[in-house]
Amino acid sequence: MKDSQAHRATARALFAIISATALVATSTWARAQASPDAGHPLTRAEVMHELEELEAAGYTPSLGDDSQYPSDIQEAERKVAAMHAAQKSAQMDQDPAMQAMPMQK
């Protein structure tokens, strides 16, 4: 009985270490992908906004042991990037100064 409790404790500790390592690795990668040219460290508000956008795009980080990871977050990131591109395009279409500029090839 004590062996099974020790085994469970060891398994929980190993899971916690692996989870923490995965979280650090993915958050570092996500930060690098999110703002390659931001020129400043992300604020907590910026990180929370990014997480809200990803959740709105279908990513659910609270699932825990997610068998679809990382494809689910990558799909959400693609959706968010497409939304940002569409917003930027719409903004440029509405800006009269941008309409007068010639398109560069």
N, C-alpha and C. Protein backbone atom coordinates (compact mmCIF):
# COMPACT_ATOMS: atom_id res chain seq x y z
N MET A 1 0.82 -1.19 0.00
CA MET A 1 0.00 0.00 0.00
C MET A 1 0.86 1.25 0.00
N LYS A 2 1.94 1.25 0.77
CA LYS A 2 2.82 2.41 0.80
C LYS A 2 3.54 2.57 -0.53
N ASP A 3 3.82 1.46 -1.20
CA ASP A 3 4.46 1.54 -2.50
C ASP A 3 3.56 2.24 -3.52
N SER A 4 2.26 1.94 -3.47
CA SER A 4 1.35 2.57 -4.43
C SER A 4 1.20 4.06 -4.14
N GLN A 5 1.21 4.45 -2.86
CA GLN A 5 1.14 5.87 -2.52
C GLN A 5 2.40 6.59 -2.95
N ALA A 6 3.54 5.96 -2.75
CA ALA A 6 4.80 6.55 -3.18
C ALA A 6 4.84 6.66 -4.70
N HIS A 7 4.34 5.63 -5.37
CA HIS A 7 4.30 5.66 -6.84
C HIS A 7 3.41 6.79 -7.33
N ARG A 8 2.23 6.97 -6.69
CA ARG A 8 1.33 8.06 -7.09
C ARG A 8 1.97 9.42 -6.84
N ALA A 9 2.64 9.56 -5.71
CA ALA A 9 3.30 10.84 -5.40
C ALA A 9 4.40 11.14 -6.40
N THR A 10 5.15 10.12 -6.77
CA THR A 10 6.21 10.29 -7.76
C THR A 10 5.61 10.65 -9.12
N ALA A 11 4.53 9.98 -9.47
CA ALA A 11 3.88 10.26 -10.76
C ALA A 11 3.34 11.69 -10.79
N ARG A 12 2.74 12.15 -9.68
CA ARG A 12 2.23 13.52 -9.62
C ARG A 12 3.36 14.53 -9.75
N ALA A 13 4.47 14.27 -9.04
CA ALA A 13 5.61 15.18 -9.11
C ALA A 13 6.16 15.24 -10.54
N LEU A 14 6.29 14.09 -11.18
CA LEU A 14 6.78 14.03 -12.55
C LEU A 14 5.84 14.77 -13.50
N PHE A 15 4.54 14.57 -13.31
CA PHE A 15 3.55 15.26 -14.14
C PHE A 15 3.66 16.77 -13.94
N ALA A 16 3.83 17.21 -12.69
CA ALA A 16 3.95 18.64 -12.41
C ALA A 16 5.19 19.23 -13.08
N ILE A 17 6.29 18.51 -13.04
CA ILE A 17 7.53 18.98 -13.67
C ILE A 17 7.36 19.07 -15.18
N ILE A 18 6.77 18.04 -15.77
CA ILE A 18 6.57 18.04 -17.21
C ILE A 18 5.61 19.15 -17.62
N SER A 19 4.54 19.33 -16.85
CA SER A 19 3.57 20.38 -17.16
C SER A 19 4.20 21.76 -17.07
N ALA A 20 4.99 21.99 -16.03
CA ALA A 20 5.64 23.28 -15.87
C ALA A 20 6.62 23.55 -17.01
N THR A 21 7.37 22.53 -17.39
CA THR A 21 8.32 22.68 -18.49
C THR A 21 7.59 22.98 -19.79
N ALA A 22 6.50 22.28 -20.04
CA ALA A 22 5.71 22.52 -21.26
C ALA A 22 5.12 23.93 -21.26
N LEU A 23 4.65 24.37 -20.11
CA LEU A 23 4.07 25.71 -20.01
C LEU A 23 5.12 26.78 -20.31
N VAL A 24 6.30 26.63 -19.73
CA VAL A 24 7.37 27.60 -19.96
C VAL A 24 7.77 27.59 -21.43
N ALA A 25 7.92 26.41 -22.00
CA ALA A 25 8.34 26.31 -23.40
C ALA A 25 7.30 26.92 -24.34
N THR A 26 6.03 26.61 -24.12
CA THR A 26 5.00 27.13 -25.02
C THR A 26 4.78 28.62 -24.82
N SER A 27 4.87 29.10 -23.58
CA SER A 27 4.66 30.54 -23.37
C SER A 27 5.81 31.34 -23.97
N THR A 28 7.03 30.80 -23.89
CA THR A 28 8.16 31.48 -24.52
C THR A 28 7.99 31.49 -26.03
N TRP A 29 7.58 30.38 -26.59
CA TRP A 29 7.37 30.29 -28.04
C TRP A 29 6.24 31.23 -28.46
N ALA A 30 5.14 31.20 -27.69
CA ALA A 30 4.00 32.05 -28.04
C ALA A 30 4.37 33.52 -27.97
N ARG A 31 5.17 33.89 -26.99
CA ARG A 31 5.60 35.28 -26.86
C ARG A 31 6.46 35.68 -28.06
N ALA A 32 7.35 34.78 -28.47
CA ALA A 32 8.21 35.08 -29.61
C ALA A 32 7.39 35.21 -30.89
N GLN A 33 6.35 34.38 -31.02
CA GLN A 33 5.50 34.43 -32.21
C GLN A 33 4.58 35.64 -32.19
N ALA A 34 4.14 36.03 -31.01
CA ALA A 34 3.15 37.09 -30.90
C ALA A 34 3.73 38.47 -31.17
N SER A 35 4.97 38.69 -30.79
CA SER A 35 5.50 40.05 -30.93
C SER A 35 6.97 40.05 -31.34
N PRO A 36 7.25 39.61 -32.56
CA PRO A 36 8.65 39.60 -32.97
C PRO A 36 9.24 41.00 -33.11
N ASP A 37 8.41 42.00 -33.35
CA ASP A 37 8.93 43.34 -33.54
C ASP A 37 8.37 44.34 -32.54
N ALA A 38 7.82 43.86 -31.43
CA ALA A 38 7.21 44.76 -30.46
C ALA A 38 8.25 45.66 -29.81
N GLY A 39 9.45 45.17 -29.59
CA GLY A 39 10.52 45.99 -29.04
C GLY A 39 10.42 46.20 -27.54
N HIS A 40 9.46 45.58 -26.90
CA HIS A 40 9.35 45.69 -25.45
C HIS A 40 8.77 44.39 -24.89
N PRO A 41 9.06 44.11 -23.63
CA PRO A 41 8.48 42.90 -23.03
C PRO A 41 6.95 43.04 -22.95
N LEU A 42 6.27 41.94 -23.10
CA LEU A 42 4.81 41.97 -23.02
C LEU A 42 4.37 42.28 -21.59
N THR A 43 3.33 43.05 -21.48
CA THR A 43 2.75 43.33 -20.16
C THR A 43 1.77 42.22 -19.81
N ARG A 44 1.37 42.16 -18.57
CA ARG A 44 0.38 41.17 -18.15
C ARG A 44 -0.93 41.38 -18.92
N ALA A 45 -1.30 42.62 -19.11
CA ALA A 45 -2.54 42.92 -19.83
C ALA A 45 -2.48 42.41 -21.27
N GLU A 46 -1.31 42.56 -21.91
CA GLU A 46 -1.15 42.08 -23.29
C GLU A 46 -1.25 40.56 -23.35
N VAL A 47 -0.64 39.89 -22.39
CA VAL A 47 -0.70 38.42 -22.34
C VAL A 47 -2.13 37.96 -22.10
N MET A 48 -2.82 38.62 -21.18
CA MET A 48 -4.21 38.25 -20.89
C MET A 48 -5.09 38.50 -22.12
N HIS A 49 -4.85 39.59 -22.84
CA HIS A 49 -5.62 39.88 -24.05
C HIS A 49 -5.38 38.79 -25.10
N GLU A 50 -4.13 38.38 -25.25
CA GLU A 50 -3.81 37.32 -26.21
C GLU A 50 -4.51 36.02 -25.84
N LEU A 51 -4.50 35.68 -24.55
CA LEU A 51 -5.17 34.46 -24.10
C LEU A 51 -6.67 34.55 -24.35
N GLU A 52 -7.27 35.71 -24.11
CA GLU A 52 -8.70 35.89 -24.37
C GLU A 52 -9.01 35.71 -25.85
N GLU A 53 -8.14 36.24 -26.72
CA GLU A 53 -8.34 36.07 -28.16
C GLU A 53 -8.24 34.60 -28.56
N LEU A 54 -7.27 33.89 -28.01
CA LEU A 54 -7.11 32.47 -28.33
C LEU A 54 -8.32 31.67 -27.85
N GLU A 55 -8.80 31.99 -26.65
CA GLU A 55 -9.98 31.29 -26.14
C GLU A 55 -11.21 31.59 -27.00
N ALA A 56 -11.35 32.83 -27.45
CA ALA A 56 -12.47 33.20 -28.32
C ALA A 56 -12.38 32.47 -29.66
N ALA A 57 -11.16 32.12 -30.07
CA ALA A 57 -10.96 31.42 -31.34
C ALA A 57 -11.08 29.90 -31.18
N GLY A 58 -11.39 29.44 -29.95
CA GLY A 58 -11.64 28.01 -29.77
C GLY A 58 -10.64 27.26 -28.92
N TYR A 59 -9.58 27.90 -28.46
CA TYR A 59 -8.60 27.21 -27.63
C TYR A 59 -9.10 27.15 -26.19
N THR A 60 -9.00 25.97 -25.57
CA THR A 60 -9.45 25.79 -24.19
C THR A 60 -8.28 25.25 -23.37
N PRO A 61 -7.52 26.13 -22.71
CA PRO A 61 -6.36 25.67 -21.95
C PRO A 61 -6.72 24.89 -20.70
N SER A 62 -7.95 24.96 -20.24
CA SER A 62 -8.34 24.30 -19.00
C SER A 62 -8.64 22.81 -19.19
N LEU A 63 -8.47 22.28 -20.38
CA LEU A 63 -8.74 20.87 -20.60
C LEU A 63 -7.75 19.95 -19.90
N GLY A 64 -6.60 20.48 -19.53
CA GLY A 64 -5.61 19.64 -18.85
C GLY A 64 -4.87 18.78 -19.83
N ASP A 65 -5.01 17.46 -19.71
CA ASP A 65 -4.33 16.53 -20.59
C ASP A 65 -5.05 16.49 -21.92
N ASP A 66 -4.69 17.39 -22.79
CA ASP A 66 -5.37 17.57 -24.07
C ASP A 66 -4.65 16.76 -25.14
N SER A 67 -5.33 15.77 -25.69
CA SER A 67 -4.71 14.92 -26.70
C SER A 67 -4.53 15.64 -28.03
N GLN A 68 -5.19 16.79 -28.21
CA GLN A 68 -5.09 17.52 -29.46
C GLN A 68 -4.04 18.62 -29.43
N TYR A 69 -3.37 18.76 -28.29
CA TYR A 69 -2.33 19.79 -28.17
C TYR A 69 -1.11 19.34 -28.96
N PRO A 70 -0.43 20.12 -29.73
CA PRO A 70 -0.52 21.56 -29.90
C PRO A 70 -1.37 21.99 -31.08
N SER A 71 -2.00 21.05 -31.77
CA SER A 71 -2.75 21.44 -32.97
C SER A 71 -3.92 22.37 -32.63
N ASP A 72 -4.51 22.23 -31.44
CA ASP A 72 -5.64 23.08 -31.10
C ASP A 72 -5.20 24.53 -30.89
N ILE A 73 -4.07 24.75 -30.23
CA ILE A 73 -3.62 26.14 -30.03
C ILE A 73 -3.08 26.72 -31.33
N GLN A 74 -2.47 25.90 -32.16
CA GLN A 74 -1.98 26.38 -33.45
C GLN A 74 -3.14 26.82 -34.34
N GLU A 75 -4.24 26.07 -34.31
CA GLU A 75 -5.42 26.45 -35.09
C GLU A 75 -6.00 27.76 -34.57
N ALA A 76 -6.06 27.91 -33.25
CA ALA A 76 -6.56 29.16 -32.66
C ALA A 76 -5.65 30.32 -33.03
N GLU A 77 -4.33 30.10 -33.03
CA GLU A 77 -3.39 31.16 -33.40
C GLU A 77 -3.58 31.56 -34.86
N ARG A 78 -3.85 30.58 -35.74
CA ARG A 78 -4.10 30.90 -37.15
C ARG A 78 -5.36 31.75 -37.29
N LYS A 79 -6.40 31.41 -36.52
CA LYS A 79 -7.65 32.18 -36.59
C LYS A 79 -7.43 33.61 -36.10
N VAL A 80 -6.69 33.76 -35.00
CA VAL A 80 -6.42 35.09 -34.46
C VAL A 80 -5.58 35.90 -35.45
N ALA A 81 -4.58 35.27 -36.06
CA ALA A 81 -3.74 35.97 -37.03
C ALA A 81 -4.57 36.41 -38.24
N ALA A 82 -5.49 35.55 -38.69
CA ALA A 82 -6.36 35.91 -39.81
C ALA A 82 -7.28 37.07 -39.43
N MET A 83 -7.78 37.06 -38.19
CA MET A 83 -8.63 38.14 -37.73
C MET A 83 -7.86 39.46 -37.69
N HIS A 84 -6.60 39.40 -37.19
CA HIS A 84 -5.77 40.61 -37.14
C HIS A 84 -5.47 41.13 -38.55
N ALA A 85 -5.19 40.21 -39.47
CA ALA A 85 -4.91 40.61 -40.85
C ALA A 85 -6.13 41.27 -41.48
N ALA A 86 -7.31 40.71 -41.22
CA ALA A 86 -8.54 41.29 -41.76
C ALA A 86 -8.80 42.67 -41.17
N GLN A 87 -8.55 42.81 -39.87
CA GLN A 87 -8.74 44.12 -39.23
C GLN A 87 -7.76 45.15 -39.79
N LYS A 88 -6.52 44.73 -39.99
CA LYS A 88 -5.52 45.64 -40.52
C LYS A 88 -5.86 46.03 -41.96
N SER A 89 -6.32 45.07 -42.73
CA SER A 89 -6.71 45.36 -44.11
C SER A 89 -7.89 46.33 -44.15
N ALA A 90 -8.87 46.09 -43.29
CA ALA A 90 -10.04 46.98 -43.24
C ALA A 90 -9.63 48.38 -42.80
N GLN A 91 -8.71 48.44 -41.86
CA GLN A 91 -8.24 49.74 -41.38
C GLN A 91 -7.50 50.48 -42.49
N MET A 92 -6.69 49.78 -43.26
CA MET A 92 -5.95 50.40 -44.35
C MET A 92 -6.90 50.84 -45.46
N ASP A 93 -7.97 50.08 -45.69
CA ASP A 93 -8.96 50.45 -46.71
C ASP A 93 -9.70 51.72 -46.32
N GLN A 94 -9.86 51.97 -45.03
CA GLN A 94 -10.58 53.14 -44.56
C GLN A 94 -9.69 54.37 -44.41
N ASP A 95 -8.38 54.19 -44.43
CA ASP A 95 -7.45 55.30 -44.24
C ASP A 95 -7.20 55.98 -45.58
N PRO A 96 -7.70 57.21 -45.77
CA PRO A 96 -7.54 57.89 -47.07
C PRO A 96 -6.08 58.14 -47.43
N ALA A 97 -5.21 58.35 -46.46
CA ALA A 97 -3.80 58.58 -46.76
C ALA A 97 -3.17 57.34 -47.38
N MET A 98 -3.62 56.17 -46.95
CA MET A 98 -3.07 54.93 -47.49
C MET A 98 -3.57 54.69 -48.91
N GLN A 99 -4.74 55.18 -49.25
CA GLN A 99 -5.27 54.97 -50.59
C GLN A 99 -4.49 55.75 -51.63
N ALA A 100 -3.92 56.88 -51.24
CA ALA A 100 -3.16 57.69 -52.19
C ALA A 100 -1.76 57.14 -52.44
N MET A 101 -1.30 56.24 -51.58
CA MET A 101 0.04 55.69 -51.73
C MET A 101 0.04 54.60 -52.80
N PRO A 102 1.03 54.59 -53.67
CA PRO A 102 1.09 53.51 -54.67
C PRO A 102 1.49 52.20 -54.02
N MET A 103 0.97 51.12 -54.57
CA MET A 103 1.29 49.78 -54.07
C MET A 103 2.69 49.40 -54.55
N GLN A 104 3.49 48.89 -53.64
CA GLN A 104 4.84 48.45 -54.02
C GLN A 104 4.81 46.97 -54.30
N LYS A 105 5.60 46.57 -55.27
CA LYS A 105 5.66 45.14 -55.65
C LYS A 105 6.89 44.51 -55.12
